Amino acid sequence: MTSPTRVAAIDCGTNSLRLLIADVDPVAGTLTDVLRRMEIVRLGQGVDATGRFDPRALARALDLTAEYARLCREAGVGPVRFVATSASRDAADAEVFIGGVREVLGVEPEVISGQEEAALSFAGATRGLASVPADAGPVLVVDIGGGSTEAVLGEVSDGRPGPAISVDIGCVRLFERHGGDLAALTADIEAAVDDIARVVPLDRARALVGLAGSVTTLTAHALRLPSYQAERIHGAVLPIATLVAACEDMASLTGDQRRALPYLHPGRVDVIVAGALIWRAVLTRVAGAARLVEAVTSEHDILDGIAWSLADSEDGPCG
């Protein structure tokens, strides 16, 4: 591609279904938003326990996919890529969802591996992130999702991810498994972070970047924002001690207190405690291993990585 191309990236996670329509110019290295949309559909509702999709969750996800298809048509989108992650990897009846997306969107949805999810998250988070200079050295990107958490270490200078792992500790999965049992949540999380540390050399990280709804919400909590302000959250560099305190404070609040927070999406009120404990564990472990004192928050993530993948491919999937 030699000129900006209008693409659509759709990320279907365990908790949210998101759309990015963007004009991407790989030659100039620019990605310009046309539309970003996020809705909580909780496709992964019950999947950890049953191994199958809840019919109501399927209906919510497919209804929203149909709306996204309409928005893509109205925006004159060219290439479209629909990526499904943790819940779709786990569900035995994933083909039902895949067939429904194919019918309403007109493209073949992809259920990607945890490794590919990590690579796309790394690309989306680090490409053009001013808070992390290209010569920073190895950057650890951590994406805390609804069903899984990805950790990947790589160099911003060449955009190539290195060691990566996906572990099954997402905020929805853990909430459904343990509810508000902080001890059980912490035990699961610490075991998973041990798994991360065995694969990804945390001590080599020279910067830490956190992604996705739990991390961005906890950044808003640390900043005490009057509302969810993406422009203040994206690229925020905060002391790890401040972020850990925000995580612990969030976990201490009652449901009503969390519900009253102006930057907390209603669809995250029940799962944000699990997300906070995951982020706290990662922050603490990385700070100890790599002697880092700050962490960066990125609003750009796998969704942007999907969009870049379309622009970087000469013949990406088209709608």
Protein backbone atom coordinates (compact mmCIF):
# COMPACT_ATOMS: atom_id res chain seq x y z
CA MET A 1 0.00 0.00 0.00
CA THR A 2 1.36 3.41 -0.92
CA SER A 3 -1.44 5.69 0.29
CA PRO A 4 -3.72 5.80 3.31
CA THR A 5 -6.23 2.97 3.34
CA ARG A 6 -9.40 2.88 5.41
CA VAL A 7 -9.42 -0.33 7.40
CA ALA A 8 -11.61 -1.84 10.10
CA ALA A 9 -10.26 -3.84 13.03
CA ILE A 10 -12.62 -5.74 15.31
CA ASP A 11 -11.42 -7.31 18.55
CA CYS A 12 -13.76 -9.75 20.26
CA GLY A 13 -12.55 -10.53 23.75
CA THR A 14 -14.11 -12.22 26.74
CA ASN A 15 -15.69 -9.03 28.09
CA SER A 16 -15.79 -6.45 25.30
CA LEU A 17 -16.35 -6.23 21.56
CA ARG A 18 -14.48 -3.32 19.99
CA LEU A 19 -14.30 -1.65 16.60
CA LEU A 20 -11.62 0.62 15.16
CA ILE A 21 -12.11 2.25 11.77
CA ALA A 22 -8.91 4.04 10.81
CA ASP A 23 -7.02 5.53 7.90
CA VAL A 24 -3.62 3.86 7.95
CA ASP A 25 -0.56 4.96 5.99
CA PRO A 26 2.33 2.55 6.53
CA VAL A 27 4.70 4.72 4.47
CA ALA A 28 4.12 7.79 6.65
CA GLY A 29 3.74 5.59 9.73
CA THR A 30 0.39 7.09 10.70
CA LEU A 31 -2.86 5.60 11.96
CA THR A 32 -5.69 8.14 12.10
CA ASP A 33 -8.86 7.20 13.95
CA VAL A 34 -12.15 7.56 12.12
CA LEU A 35 -14.19 5.75 14.75
CA ARG A 36 -13.47 3.82 17.95
CA ARG A 37 -16.29 1.95 19.62
CA MET A 38 -16.35 -0.34 22.65
CA GLU A 39 -19.27 -2.23 24.15
CA ILE A 40 -19.35 -4.76 26.96
CA VAL A 41 -21.09 -7.90 25.64
CA ARG A 42 -19.33 -10.46 27.90
CA LEU A 43 -19.15 -13.17 25.26
CA GLY A 44 -17.17 -15.28 27.73
CA GLN A 45 -20.01 -15.39 30.26
CA GLY A 46 -19.87 -18.84 31.84
CA VAL A 47 -17.32 -20.25 29.38
CA ASP A 48 -14.74 -21.00 32.09
CA ALA A 49 -17.25 -23.20 33.93
CA THR A 50 -19.17 -24.80 31.04
CA GLY A 51 -16.78 -24.72 28.09
CA ARG A 52 -19.60 -23.38 25.92
CA PHE A 53 -21.10 -20.02 24.98
CA ASP A 54 -24.20 -18.77 26.75
CA PRO A 55 -26.91 -18.24 24.09
CA ARG A 56 -27.68 -14.80 25.48
CA ALA A 57 -24.03 -13.77 25.25
CA LEU A 58 -23.86 -15.07 21.68
CA ALA A 59 -26.92 -13.03 20.75
CA ARG A 60 -25.45 -9.86 22.27
CA ALA A 61 -22.16 -10.31 20.42
CA LEU A 62 -23.74 -11.09 17.04
CA ASP A 63 -26.21 -8.19 17.32
CA LEU A 64 -23.34 -5.79 17.93
CA THR A 65 -21.27 -7.35 15.13
CA ALA A 66 -24.16 -6.63 12.76
CA GLU A 67 -24.15 -3.00 13.91
CA TYR A 68 -20.38 -2.81 13.38
CA ALA A 69 -20.87 -4.20 9.87
CA ARG A 70 -23.29 -1.36 9.15
CA LEU A 71 -20.82 1.22 10.45
CA CYS A 72 -18.09 -0.25 8.25
CA ARG A 73 -20.28 0.00 5.16
CA GLU A 74 -21.26 3.57 5.94
CA ALA A 75 -17.61 4.56 6.45
CA GLY A 76 -16.49 3.06 3.14
CA VAL A 77 -14.07 0.60 4.74
CA GLY A 78 -11.79 -1.54 2.59
CA PRO A 79 -9.95 -4.35 4.41
CA VAL A 80 -11.65 -5.76 7.52
CA ARG A 81 -10.16 -8.12 10.09
CA PHE A 82 -12.17 -9.71 12.90
CA VAL A 83 -10.10 -11.31 15.66
CA ALA A 84 -11.47 -13.39 18.53
CA THR A 85 -9.38 -14.28 21.55
CA SER A 86 -9.62 -16.11 24.87
CA ALA A 87 -13.32 -17.02 25.17
CA SER A 88 -13.45 -18.20 21.56
CA ARG A 89 -10.30 -20.28 22.08
CA ASP A 90 -11.93 -22.01 25.04
CA ALA A 91 -15.48 -22.57 23.81
CA ALA A 92 -16.21 -26.01 22.34
CA ASP A 93 -18.98 -24.49 20.22
CA ALA A 94 -16.88 -21.63 18.84
CA GLU A 95 -17.93 -22.55 15.29
CA VAL A 96 -21.46 -21.31 16.08
CA PHE A 97 -20.07 -17.87 16.79
CA ILE A 98 -17.66 -17.97 13.86
CA GLY A 99 -20.47 -18.87 11.48
CA GLY A 100 -22.66 -16.09 12.84
CA VAL A 101 -19.92 -13.48 12.41
CA ARG A 102 -19.21 -14.73 8.89
CA GLU A 103 -22.88 -14.31 7.99
CA VAL A 104 -23.39 -10.79 9.37
CA LEU A 105 -19.97 -9.30 8.62
CA GLY A 106 -19.01 -11.04 5.39
CA VAL A 107 -15.44 -11.86 6.43
CA GLU A 108 -13.87 -14.94 7.94
CA PRO A 109 -13.29 -14.33 11.67
CA GLU A 110 -10.01 -15.53 13.14
CA VAL A 111 -9.66 -17.25 16.49
CA ILE A 112 -6.03 -16.43 17.21
CA SER A 113 -3.57 -18.07 19.57
CA GLY A 114 -2.31 -16.44 22.73
CA GLN A 115 1.08 -15.96 21.07
CA GLU A 116 -0.42 -14.08 18.13
CA GLU A 117 -2.56 -12.05 20.51
CA ALA A 118 0.59 -11.02 22.37
CA ALA A 119 2.35 -10.05 19.13
CA LEU A 120 -0.58 -7.92 17.95
CA SER A 121 -0.82 -6.26 21.36
CA PHE A 122 2.90 -5.44 21.28
CA ALA A 123 2.62 -3.88 17.83
CA GLY A 124 -0.48 -1.88 18.70
CA ALA A 125 0.88 -0.61 22.00
CA THR A 126 4.39 0.39 21.01
CA ARG A 127 4.02 1.76 17.49
CA GLY A 128 4.09 5.52 17.93
CA LEU A 129 3.97 5.50 21.74
CA ALA A 130 5.87 8.69 22.58
CA SER A 131 6.26 7.73 26.25
CA VAL A 132 8.61 4.89 25.28
CA PRO A 133 11.51 5.99 23.02
CA ALA A 134 12.64 3.62 20.29
CA ASP A 135 16.02 3.18 21.95
CA ALA A 136 14.58 2.39 25.38
CA GLY A 137 15.76 -1.20 25.25
CA PRO A 138 13.55 -4.24 25.80
CA VAL A 139 9.95 -3.23 26.57
CA LEU A 140 7.56 -5.50 28.45
CA VAL A 141 3.97 -5.17 27.24
CA VAL A 142 1.24 -6.66 29.43
CA ASP A 143 -2.35 -6.94 28.16
CA ILE A 144 -4.89 -7.84 30.86
CA GLY A 145 -8.04 -9.09 29.17
CA GLY A 146 -11.27 -10.68 30.28
CA GLY A 147 -10.18 -14.28 29.79
CA SER A 148 -6.40 -14.14 29.61
CA THR A 149 -3.33 -12.00 30.18
CA GLU A 150 -0.53 -11.69 27.63
CA ALA A 151 3.03 -10.67 28.41
CA VAL A 152 5.58 -10.04 25.67
CA LEU A 153 9.09 -8.59 25.72
CA GLY A 154 10.44 -6.91 22.60
CA GLU A 155 12.31 -4.02 21.05
CA VAL A 156 10.38 -0.93 20.00
CA SER A 157 13.08 -0.06 17.48
CA ASP A 158 12.19 -2.94 15.16
CA GLY A 159 8.66 -3.65 16.38
CA ARG A 160 9.43 -7.33 16.73
CA PRO A 161 8.14 -9.13 19.81
CA GLY A 162 10.40 -11.60 21.55
CA PRO A 163 9.53 -14.03 24.36
CA ALA A 164 5.78 -14.10 24.94
CA ILE A 165 3.17 -16.03 26.88
CA SER A 166 -0.59 -16.05 27.35
CA VAL A 167 -1.94 -17.19 30.73
CA ASP A 168 -5.54 -17.86 31.73
CA ILE A 169 -5.99 -15.10 34.31
CA GLY A 170 -8.42 -12.60 32.85
CA CYS A 171 -10.62 -10.38 35.00
CA VAL A 172 -13.89 -12.05 33.93
CA ARG A 173 -12.54 -15.59 34.19
CA LEU A 174 -11.21 -15.01 37.71
CA PHE A 175 -14.35 -13.18 38.88
CA GLU A 176 -16.53 -16.04 37.70
CA ARG A 177 -14.20 -18.58 39.30
CA HIS A 178 -13.62 -16.91 42.68
CA GLY A 179 -16.01 -13.97 43.06
CA GLY A 180 -14.66 -11.67 45.75
CA ASP A 181 -12.45 -14.25 47.47
CA LEU A 182 -9.24 -12.23 47.56
CA ALA A 183 -7.11 -15.09 48.83
CA ALA A 184 -8.21 -17.44 46.04
CA LEU A 185 -7.80 -14.71 43.44
CA THR A 186 -4.31 -13.91 44.65
CA ALA A 187 -3.24 -17.57 44.66
CA ASP A 188 -4.34 -18.07 41.04
CA ILE A 189 -2.71 -14.83 39.96
CA GLU A 190 0.63 -15.50 41.66
CA ALA A 191 0.82 -18.96 40.08
CA ALA A 192 0.18 -17.45 36.65
CA VAL A 193 2.76 -14.71 37.16
CA ASP A 194 5.23 -17.47 38.07
CA ASP A 195 4.43 -19.00 34.66
CA ILE A 196 5.04 -15.66 32.97
CA ALA A 197 8.40 -15.27 34.71
CA ARG A 198 9.52 -18.73 33.57
CA VAL A 199 9.01 -17.77 29.90
CA VAL A 200 9.59 -14.03 29.75
CA PRO A 201 12.85 -12.69 31.28
CA LEU A 202 11.32 -9.93 33.38
CA ASP A 203 14.72 -8.71 34.57
CA ARG A 204 15.59 -7.60 31.02
CA ALA A 205 12.70 -5.12 30.81
CA ARG A 206 13.74 -1.49 30.57
CA ALA A 207 10.17 -0.23 30.36
CA LEU A 208 6.74 -1.63 31.28
CA VAL A 209 3.59 -0.84 29.28
CA GLY A 210 0.14 -1.90 30.46
CA LEU A 211 -2.91 -2.26 28.21
CA ALA A 212 -6.64 -2.88 28.12
CA GLY A 213 -9.64 -1.88 30.19
CA SER A 214 -8.51 -2.92 33.65
CA VAL A 215 -5.18 -1.12 33.29
CA THR A 216 -6.62 2.05 31.77
CA THR A 217 -9.36 2.20 34.40
CA LEU A 218 -6.84 1.76 37.21
CA THR A 219 -4.75 4.55 35.68
CA ALA A 220 -7.82 6.79 35.75
CA HIS A 221 -8.26 5.76 39.40
CA ALA A 222 -4.64 6.66 40.19
CA LEU A 223 -5.10 10.03 38.49
CA ARG A 224 -8.48 10.60 40.19
CA LEU A 225 -9.98 11.78 36.93
CA PRO A 226 -13.45 13.41 36.95
CA SER A 227 -14.44 11.15 34.05
CA TYR A 228 -12.85 8.60 31.73
CA GLN A 229 -10.46 10.78 29.69
CA ALA A 230 -8.58 8.70 27.15
CA GLU A 231 -6.33 11.59 26.16
CA ARG A 232 -4.99 11.83 29.73
CA ILE A 233 -4.73 8.08 30.22
CA HIS A 234 -2.89 7.29 26.99
CA GLY A 235 0.85 7.57 27.48
CA ALA A 236 0.55 8.32 31.19
CA VAL A 237 3.77 7.54 33.06
CA LEU A 238 3.17 6.92 36.75
CA PRO A 239 5.27 5.59 39.63
CA ILE A 240 4.72 1.88 40.14
CA ALA A 241 4.11 2.59 43.83
CA THR A 242 1.24 4.91 42.87
CA LEU A 243 -0.29 2.31 40.57
CA VAL A 244 0.02 -0.45 43.16
CA ALA A 245 -1.73 1.79 45.69
CA ALA A 246 -4.51 2.46 43.17
CA CYS A 247 -4.94 -1.29 42.60
CA GLU A 248 -5.15 -1.98 46.33
CA ASP A 249 -7.58 0.88 46.87
CA MET A 250 -9.83 -0.37 44.05
CA ALA A 251 -9.83 -3.87 45.54
CA SER A 252 -10.87 -2.47 48.95
CA LEU A 253 -13.97 -0.65 47.67
CA THR A 254 -17.49 -1.99 47.93
CA GLY A 255 -19.56 -2.60 44.82
CA ASP A 256 -21.55 0.57 45.44
CA GLN A 257 -18.36 2.59 45.89
CA ARG A 258 -16.95 1.23 42.63
CA ARG A 259 -20.22 1.90 40.85
CA ALA A 260 -19.99 5.56 41.87
CA LEU A 261 -16.58 6.06 40.25
CA PRO A 262 -17.08 8.34 37.23
CA TYR A 263 -14.43 6.62 35.08
CA LEU A 264 -15.46 3.00 35.71
CA HIS A 265 -17.60 1.47 32.95
CA PRO A 266 -20.69 -0.23 34.43
CA GLY A 267 -19.68 -3.44 32.66
CA ARG A 268 -16.44 -3.55 34.67
CA VAL A 269 -17.81 -2.93 38.17
CA ASP A 270 -17.90 -6.62 39.09
CA VAL A 271 -14.61 -7.68 37.43
CA ILE A 272 -12.30 -4.74 38.13
CA VAL A 273 -11.14 -6.17 41.48
CA ALA A 274 -9.69 -9.22 39.72
CA GLY A 275 -8.12 -6.92 37.13
CA ALA A 276 -6.62 -4.77 39.89
CA LEU A 277 -5.07 -7.77 41.62
CA ILE A 278 -3.58 -9.02 38.34
CA TRP A 279 -2.03 -5.62 37.56
CA ARG A 280 -0.74 -5.26 41.13
CA ALA A 281 0.96 -8.65 40.93
CA VAL A 282 2.57 -7.85 37.58
CA LEU A 283 3.73 -4.41 38.70
CA THR A 284 5.24 -5.77 41.89
CA ARG A 285 6.98 -8.69 40.22
CA VAL A 286 8.43 -6.60 37.37
CA ALA A 287 9.55 -3.83 39.71
CA GLY A 288 11.45 -6.37 41.79
CA ALA A 289 13.01 -8.20 38.84
CA ALA A 290 13.90 -5.24 36.61
CA ARG A 291 14.24 -2.48 39.23
CA LEU A 292 11.74 -0.34 37.36
CA VAL A 293 10.08 2.52 39.21
CA GLU A 294 7.54 3.67 36.58
CA ALA A 295 5.00 2.12 34.23
CA VAL A 296 3.33 3.45 31.08
CA THR A 297 -0.34 3.07 30.19
CA SER A 298 -1.39 2.77 26.55
CA GLU A 299 -4.88 3.21 25.14
CA HIS A 300 -3.57 1.57 21.97
CA ASP A 301 -3.49 -2.19 22.04
CA ILE A 302 -4.41 -5.29 20.04
CA LEU A 303 -7.07 -3.31 18.16
CA ASP A 304 -4.41 -1.00 16.74
CA GLY A 305 -2.17 -3.99 16.07
CA ILE A 306 -4.93 -5.54 13.97
CA ALA A 307 -5.32 -2.31 12.00
CA TRP A 308 -1.55 -2.11 11.40
CA SER A 309 -1.52 -5.74 10.26
CA LEU A 310 -3.99 -4.86 7.51
CA ALA A 311 -1.94 -1.87 6.38
CA ASP A 312 1.30 -3.86 6.44
CA SER A 313 -0.19 -6.64 4.30
CA GLU A 314 -0.56 -6.16 0.56
CA ASP A 315 -3.52 -8.48 0.44
CA GLY A 316 -5.18 -8.48 3.86
CA PRO A 317 -8.70 -9.92 4.19
CA CYS A 318 -11.31 -7.65 2.68
CA GLY A 319 -14.95 -7.11 3.44
